[in-house]
Amino acid sequence: MTVEDDNESDRKLLIAVDFGTTFSGVAWAQTRRPDVQTIIIQWPETANGGLEGVSSDKVPTELRYEGGQCHWGFQVDDFGSRHQWFKLDLDPSQPRGVSDLSRQFPDQHALPPSYTASAEKLCTDYLTALRTHTEQVLKHKLPQSVLRSTPIEYIITVPAVWSDTAQAKTRACAENAGMGKALQIISEPEAAAIYALHAMDPHSIQVGDTFVLCDAGGGTVDLISYTVSALKPILQVEEAAMGSGRICGSTFLNRIFQRFLVDKLGLNEEWDDEVVEDAMKRFELVTKKVFRGELNEEYVIPGK
């Protein structure tokens, strides 16, 4: 085998799936150009699918079955019941949405666990939709000759506290969703830690350094400590202390803000569900992202 043939055989297309409790994301890169990483930011908003729709780094981890169709992500509007937080049901040993915040600020449209489908079916259907859209994007971004000749491998994240059984269920769901047998699984905080350390000045990191990572997600917030165990040939970390977490993610900021709006403006004649939906989309996609802690800053929330 020639050097060129050997290099060709090593070529892969890696697709990383951040399968989150409330939002999920996808990024891809080629092993020949690992420094070029592309995040998918276009998501379908209508049942017809397509590449156009909502621009966002993440897509809601939500499903709705309607008229024989499975709607997912931004296709699920804020009206009517929907499946959410179903990923947590893959590990029954972990609490599912039970906290003071979830009791005080519940989502009135969320279906109860296993209302019409098992956690495995919900996760498989969602990951199938995510994979299908990802492959549509790749067909638009890469030549067909590259896609035909390049093996695709998926990488999916799981919570650090998940049991072996829950990880096995995640793998089964991903494989059933068409993500292949070569699927790799990595813990969410470990992936976040590696990314954060690579983004820092490499000269400031030494073997033996210990740091605390805060993984603040939409549903949960986790703290975990890591120690740098190696820098070469690749950066490696190992858990320094057992992690901990609570169900107090940013989703509850949305629910608290929505209740504030209803209490303030609910009696207004022009107040309706459409106004609430527009206001909450603005809060989620714009206001929270530009907020920098300035309490006197003013933000415009759309209304009629």
Protein backbone atom coordinates (compact mmCIF):
# COMPACT_ATOMS: atom_id res chain seq x y z
CA MET A 1 0.00 0.00 0.00
CA THR A 2 1.33 3.45 -0.90
CA VAL A 3 1.47 6.40 1.48
CA GLU A 4 -1.35 8.06 -0.41
CA ASP A 5 -3.54 4.94 -0.09
CA ASP A 6 -2.79 4.73 3.62
CA ASN A 7 -3.71 8.38 4.16
CA GLU A 8 -6.91 7.89 2.18
CA SER A 9 -7.90 4.96 4.39
CA ASP A 10 -7.44 7.11 7.50
CA ARG A 11 -9.79 9.78 6.26
CA LYS A 12 -13.01 10.08 8.28
CA LEU A 13 -15.86 12.49 8.79
CA LEU A 14 -16.55 12.93 12.52
CA ILE A 15 -19.95 14.17 13.67
CA ALA A 16 -20.27 15.18 17.32
CA VAL A 17 -23.76 15.20 18.84
CA ASP A 18 -24.37 17.10 22.07
CA PHE A 19 -27.59 15.31 23.07
CA GLY A 20 -28.90 17.64 25.75
CA THR A 21 -31.82 17.51 28.17
CA THR A 22 -33.45 20.66 26.79
CA PHE A 23 -31.35 21.61 23.74
CA SER A 24 -29.03 19.64 21.45
CA GLY A 25 -26.26 20.59 19.05
CA VAL A 26 -24.21 19.09 16.23
CA ALA A 27 -20.74 19.86 14.87
CA TRP A 28 -18.62 18.09 12.27
CA ALA A 29 -15.03 17.95 11.06
CA GLN A 30 -12.81 15.92 8.76
CA THR A 31 -9.82 14.08 10.18
CA ARG A 32 -7.66 15.59 7.43
CA ARG A 33 -8.58 19.06 8.69
CA PRO A 34 -9.29 18.65 12.43
CA ASP A 35 -8.68 22.38 12.98
CA VAL A 36 -11.74 23.19 10.84
CA GLN A 37 -14.84 22.45 12.91
CA THR A 38 -18.28 23.41 11.63
CA ILE A 39 -21.31 23.89 13.86
CA ILE A 40 -24.75 23.32 12.36
CA ILE A 41 -26.76 26.48 12.95
CA GLN A 42 -29.71 26.09 10.56
CA TRP A 43 -32.71 24.06 11.74
CA PRO A 44 -36.06 23.29 10.09
CA GLU A 45 -39.05 25.18 11.43
CA THR A 46 -41.79 23.55 9.34
CA ALA A 47 -42.88 19.94 8.99
CA ASN A 48 -41.52 19.91 5.43
CA GLY A 49 -37.98 20.02 6.79
CA GLY A 50 -35.33 21.60 4.60
CA LEU A 51 -32.20 23.52 5.46
CA GLU A 52 -33.82 26.91 5.95
CA GLY A 53 -35.58 27.89 9.14
CA VAL A 54 -34.30 29.02 12.51
CA SER A 55 -30.68 30.11 12.98
CA SER A 56 -29.36 28.86 16.33
CA ASP A 57 -26.36 27.00 17.76
CA LYS A 58 -28.76 24.57 19.44
CA VAL A 59 -32.12 22.98 18.66
CA PRO A 60 -34.78 22.12 21.29
CA THR A 61 -34.79 18.50 22.46
CA GLU A 62 -38.56 18.22 22.01
CA LEU A 63 -40.96 16.00 20.06
CA ARG A 64 -44.61 16.04 19.10
CA TYR A 65 -46.48 13.26 17.28
CA GLU A 66 -49.25 14.69 15.16
CA GLY A 67 -51.17 13.36 12.17
CA GLY A 68 -48.84 10.39 11.80
CA GLN A 69 -45.79 12.65 11.68
CA CYS A 70 -42.99 13.19 14.16
CA HIS A 71 -42.24 16.89 14.64
CA TRP A 72 -38.99 17.79 16.36
CA GLY A 73 -36.92 20.75 17.51
CA PHE A 74 -38.17 24.09 16.23
CA GLN A 75 -41.02 22.33 14.42
CA VAL A 76 -42.68 22.02 17.85
CA ASP A 77 -44.35 25.35 18.66
CA ASP A 78 -45.25 26.53 22.14
CA PHE A 79 -48.92 25.55 21.79
CA GLY A 80 -50.16 22.10 22.69
CA SER A 81 -48.56 19.16 24.46
CA ARG A 82 -45.07 17.92 23.66
CA HIS A 83 -42.44 15.46 24.86
CA GLN A 84 -39.44 17.01 26.59
CA TRP A 85 -36.72 16.01 29.07
CA PHE A 86 -37.16 12.42 27.86
CA LYS A 87 -33.41 11.81 27.75
CA LEU A 88 -33.38 11.64 31.55
CA ASP A 89 -35.70 8.62 31.46
CA LEU A 90 -32.92 6.50 29.97
CA ASP A 91 -31.46 6.33 33.49
CA PRO A 92 -34.25 5.64 36.03
CA SER A 93 -31.70 5.89 38.86
CA GLN A 94 -31.42 9.64 38.24
CA PRO A 95 -34.18 12.08 39.30
CA ARG A 96 -36.32 13.24 36.39
CA GLY A 97 -37.12 16.93 36.67
CA VAL A 98 -37.86 16.75 40.40
CA SER A 99 -36.68 19.88 42.21
CA ASP A 100 -38.11 22.87 44.02
CA LEU A 101 -37.87 24.89 40.80
CA SER A 102 -39.60 22.24 38.68
CA ARG A 103 -42.44 22.05 41.21
CA GLN A 104 -42.83 25.82 41.42
CA PHE A 105 -42.44 26.47 37.69
CA PRO A 106 -43.72 23.44 35.73
CA ASP A 107 -44.22 23.40 31.97
CA GLN A 108 -47.95 23.11 31.47
CA HIS A 109 -47.54 21.60 27.99
CA ALA A 110 -45.07 18.85 28.89
CA LEU A 111 -46.41 15.31 28.61
CA PRO A 112 -45.72 13.00 31.56
CA PRO A 113 -43.06 10.27 31.17
CA SER A 114 -44.07 7.33 28.92
CA TYR A 115 -47.41 9.02 28.14
CA THR A 116 -47.53 7.66 24.59
CA ALA A 117 -44.05 6.26 24.01
CA SER A 118 -41.08 4.85 25.87
CA ALA A 119 -37.93 6.84 26.54
CA GLU A 120 -36.07 4.61 24.08
CA LYS A 121 -38.54 5.35 21.28
CA LEU A 122 -38.53 9.09 21.97
CA CYS A 123 -34.73 9.24 22.02
CA THR A 124 -34.44 7.10 18.88
CA ASP A 125 -36.96 9.23 16.97
CA TYR A 126 -35.25 12.46 18.04
CA LEU A 127 -31.77 11.23 17.17
CA THR A 128 -33.09 9.96 13.83
CA ALA A 129 -34.41 13.44 13.00
CA LEU A 130 -31.13 14.99 14.13
CA ARG A 131 -29.09 12.58 11.97
CA THR A 132 -31.31 13.05 8.92
CA HIS A 133 -31.00 16.83 9.09
CA THR A 134 -27.24 16.61 9.67
CA GLU A 135 -26.76 14.46 6.60
CA GLN A 136 -28.88 16.87 4.54
CA VAL A 137 -26.56 19.69 5.63
CA LEU A 138 -23.48 17.66 4.72
CA LYS A 139 -24.87 16.95 1.24
CA HIS A 140 -25.18 20.71 0.80
CA LYS A 141 -21.69 21.48 2.19
CA LEU A 142 -19.55 18.66 0.75
CA PRO A 143 -19.16 17.12 -2.72
CA GLN A 144 -21.01 13.86 -3.27
CA SER A 145 -17.71 12.14 -4.12
CA VAL A 146 -16.37 12.98 -0.65
CA LEU A 147 -19.49 11.72 1.11
CA ARG A 148 -19.45 8.47 -0.87
CA SER A 149 -15.79 7.74 -0.17
CA THR A 150 -15.43 9.00 3.42
CA PRO A 151 -16.55 6.89 6.40
CA ILE A 152 -18.76 8.75 8.87
CA GLU A 153 -18.38 8.24 12.61
CA TYR A 154 -20.65 9.72 15.24
CA ILE A 155 -19.70 10.84 18.74
CA ILE A 156 -22.44 11.41 21.33
CA THR A 157 -22.30 12.89 24.82
CA VAL A 158 -23.83 11.44 28.00
CA PRO A 159 -24.05 12.79 31.57
CA ALA A 160 -21.04 11.87 33.73
CA VAL A 161 -23.26 10.40 36.44
CA TRP A 162 -25.05 7.96 34.15
CA SER A 163 -24.92 4.25 34.84
CA ASP A 164 -23.51 1.67 32.42
CA THR A 165 -27.09 0.64 31.67
CA ALA A 166 -28.05 4.18 30.68
CA GLN A 167 -24.98 4.49 28.46
CA ALA A 168 -25.87 1.19 26.79
CA LYS A 169 -29.41 2.46 26.18
CA THR A 170 -28.03 5.67 24.66
CA ARG A 171 -25.80 3.66 22.34
CA ALA A 172 -28.71 1.44 21.29
CA CYS A 173 -30.91 4.46 20.55
CA ALA A 174 -28.15 6.12 18.50
CA GLU A 175 -27.46 2.93 16.55
CA ASN A 176 -31.18 2.44 15.87
CA ALA A 177 -31.27 6.07 14.70
CA GLY A 178 -28.73 5.20 12.00
CA MET A 179 -25.57 6.56 13.63
CA GLY A 180 -23.62 3.36 13.05
CA LYS A 181 -21.84 0.71 15.09
CA ALA A 182 -18.61 2.74 15.34
CA LEU A 183 -20.32 5.22 17.65
CA GLN A 184 -18.15 6.78 20.35
CA ILE A 185 -19.52 7.92 23.73
CA ILE A 186 -17.95 10.68 25.83
CA SER A 187 -19.15 12.29 29.06
CA GLU A 188 -20.55 15.81 28.77
CA PRO A 189 -18.24 17.48 31.33
CA GLU A 190 -15.16 15.74 29.92
CA ALA A 191 -15.98 17.06 26.44
CA ALA A 192 -16.55 20.55 27.87
CA ALA A 193 -13.28 20.39 29.84
CA ILE A 194 -11.20 19.37 26.81
CA TYR A 195 -12.76 22.17 24.74
CA ALA A 196 -12.20 24.78 27.45
CA LEU A 197 -8.56 23.79 27.97
CA HIS A 198 -7.85 23.88 24.23
CA ALA A 199 -9.36 27.38 24.09
CA MET A 200 -6.99 28.61 26.82
CA ASP A 201 -3.32 29.56 26.48
CA PRO A 202 -1.63 26.11 26.29
CA HIS A 203 1.50 27.43 28.00
CA SER A 204 -0.51 28.15 31.15
CA ILE A 205 -1.56 24.50 31.59
CA GLN A 206 0.66 22.02 33.40
CA VAL A 207 0.34 18.33 34.22
CA GLY A 208 -1.12 18.10 37.73
CA ASP A 209 -3.23 21.26 37.43
CA THR A 210 -6.69 20.80 38.94
CA PHE A 211 -9.74 22.85 38.02
CA VAL A 212 -13.49 22.92 38.62
CA LEU A 213 -15.79 22.82 35.61
CA CYS A 214 -19.31 24.28 35.76
CA ASP A 215 -21.53 22.77 33.07
CA ALA A 216 -24.56 25.06 33.12
CA GLY A 217 -27.16 23.55 30.79
CA GLY A 218 -30.81 24.11 30.07
CA GLY A 219 -32.12 21.51 32.48
CA THR A 220 -29.29 20.81 34.89
CA VAL A 221 -26.19 22.49 36.30
CA ASP A 222 -23.26 20.22 37.15
CA LEU A 223 -19.95 20.81 38.93
CA ILE A 224 -17.04 18.44 38.51
CA SER A 225 -13.30 18.64 39.27
CA TYR A 226 -10.60 17.42 36.88
CA THR A 227 -6.82 17.05 37.02
CA VAL A 228 -4.67 17.37 33.89
CA SER A 229 -2.96 13.98 33.53
CA ALA A 230 -1.14 14.49 30.21
CA LEU A 231 -0.45 17.17 27.62
CA LYS A 232 1.22 15.07 24.90
CA PRO A 233 0.60 13.42 22.54
CA ILE A 234 -2.95 14.56 23.38
CA LEU A 235 -4.49 16.49 26.24
CA GLN A 236 -5.94 14.15 28.87
CA VAL A 237 -7.84 14.79 32.10
CA GLU A 238 -9.08 12.55 34.89
CA GLU A 239 -11.76 13.09 37.50
CA ALA A 240 -10.34 14.55 40.72
CA ALA A 241 -13.50 14.45 42.82
CA MET A 242 -17.02 13.13 42.41
CA GLY A 243 -19.25 15.52 40.52
CA SER A 244 -22.56 16.91 41.72
CA GLY A 245 -25.51 18.57 40.05
CA ARG A 246 -28.99 19.97 40.45
CA ILE A 247 -32.02 20.50 38.23
CA CYS A 248 -31.76 24.29 38.05
CA GLY A 249 -30.79 25.02 34.44
CA SER A 250 -31.60 28.05 32.33
CA THR A 251 -35.00 26.66 31.30
CA PHE A 252 -36.28 27.80 34.67
CA LEU A 253 -35.20 31.38 33.92
CA ASN A 254 -37.60 31.24 30.97
CA ARG A 255 -40.44 29.86 33.07
CA ILE A 256 -39.90 32.44 35.82
CA PHE A 257 -39.81 35.25 33.24
CA GLN A 258 -42.96 33.95 31.55
CA ARG A 259 -44.81 33.93 34.87
CA PHE A 260 -43.58 37.50 35.50
CA LEU A 261 -44.99 38.61 32.13
CA VAL A 262 -48.33 36.91 32.76
CA ASP A 263 -48.63 38.48 36.21
CA LYS A 264 -47.77 41.93 34.84
CA LEU A 265 -49.59 41.94 31.51
CA GLY A 266 -52.06 39.06 31.59
CA LEU A 267 -55.09 41.34 31.98
CA ASN A 268 -54.17 43.49 28.97
CA GLU A 269 -56.76 43.21 26.18
CA GLU A 270 -54.13 42.48 23.54
CA TRP A 271 -52.40 39.80 25.61
CA ASP A 272 -52.69 36.28 24.14
CA ASP A 273 -50.66 33.11 23.55
CA GLU A 274 -49.08 34.51 20.39
CA VAL A 275 -47.66 37.48 22.30
CA VAL A 276 -46.28 35.14 24.96
CA GLU A 277 -44.60 32.96 22.30
CA ASP A 278 -42.97 35.96 20.58
CA ALA A 279 -41.79 37.38 23.89
CA MET A 280 -40.29 34.10 25.07
CA LYS A 281 -38.49 33.51 21.76
CA ARG A 282 -36.93 36.96 22.05
CA PHE A 283 -35.93 36.27 25.64
CA GLU A 284 -34.36 32.91 24.80
CA LEU A 285 -32.64 33.70 21.51
CA VAL A 286 -31.56 37.31 22.12
CA THR A 287 -31.96 38.76 25.61
CA LYS A 288 -30.25 36.01 27.62
CA LYS A 289 -27.34 35.88 25.19
CA VAL A 290 -26.53 39.61 25.34
CA PHE A 291 -27.09 40.04 29.09
CA ARG A 292 -23.79 40.79 30.84
CA GLY A 293 -24.93 41.40 34.40
CA GLU A 294 -25.76 45.09 34.07
CA LEU A 295 -28.92 45.40 36.17
CA ASN A 296 -29.82 48.86 34.81
CA GLU A 297 -29.65 47.77 31.16
CA GLU A 298 -32.97 47.90 29.26
CA TYR A 299 -34.16 45.18 26.89
CA VAL A 300 -37.08 45.27 24.47
CA ILE A 301 -39.47 42.33 24.50
CA PRO A 302 -41.87 42.29 21.51
CA GLY A 303 -45.62 42.53 21.93
CA LYS A 304 -48.57 43.57 19.83
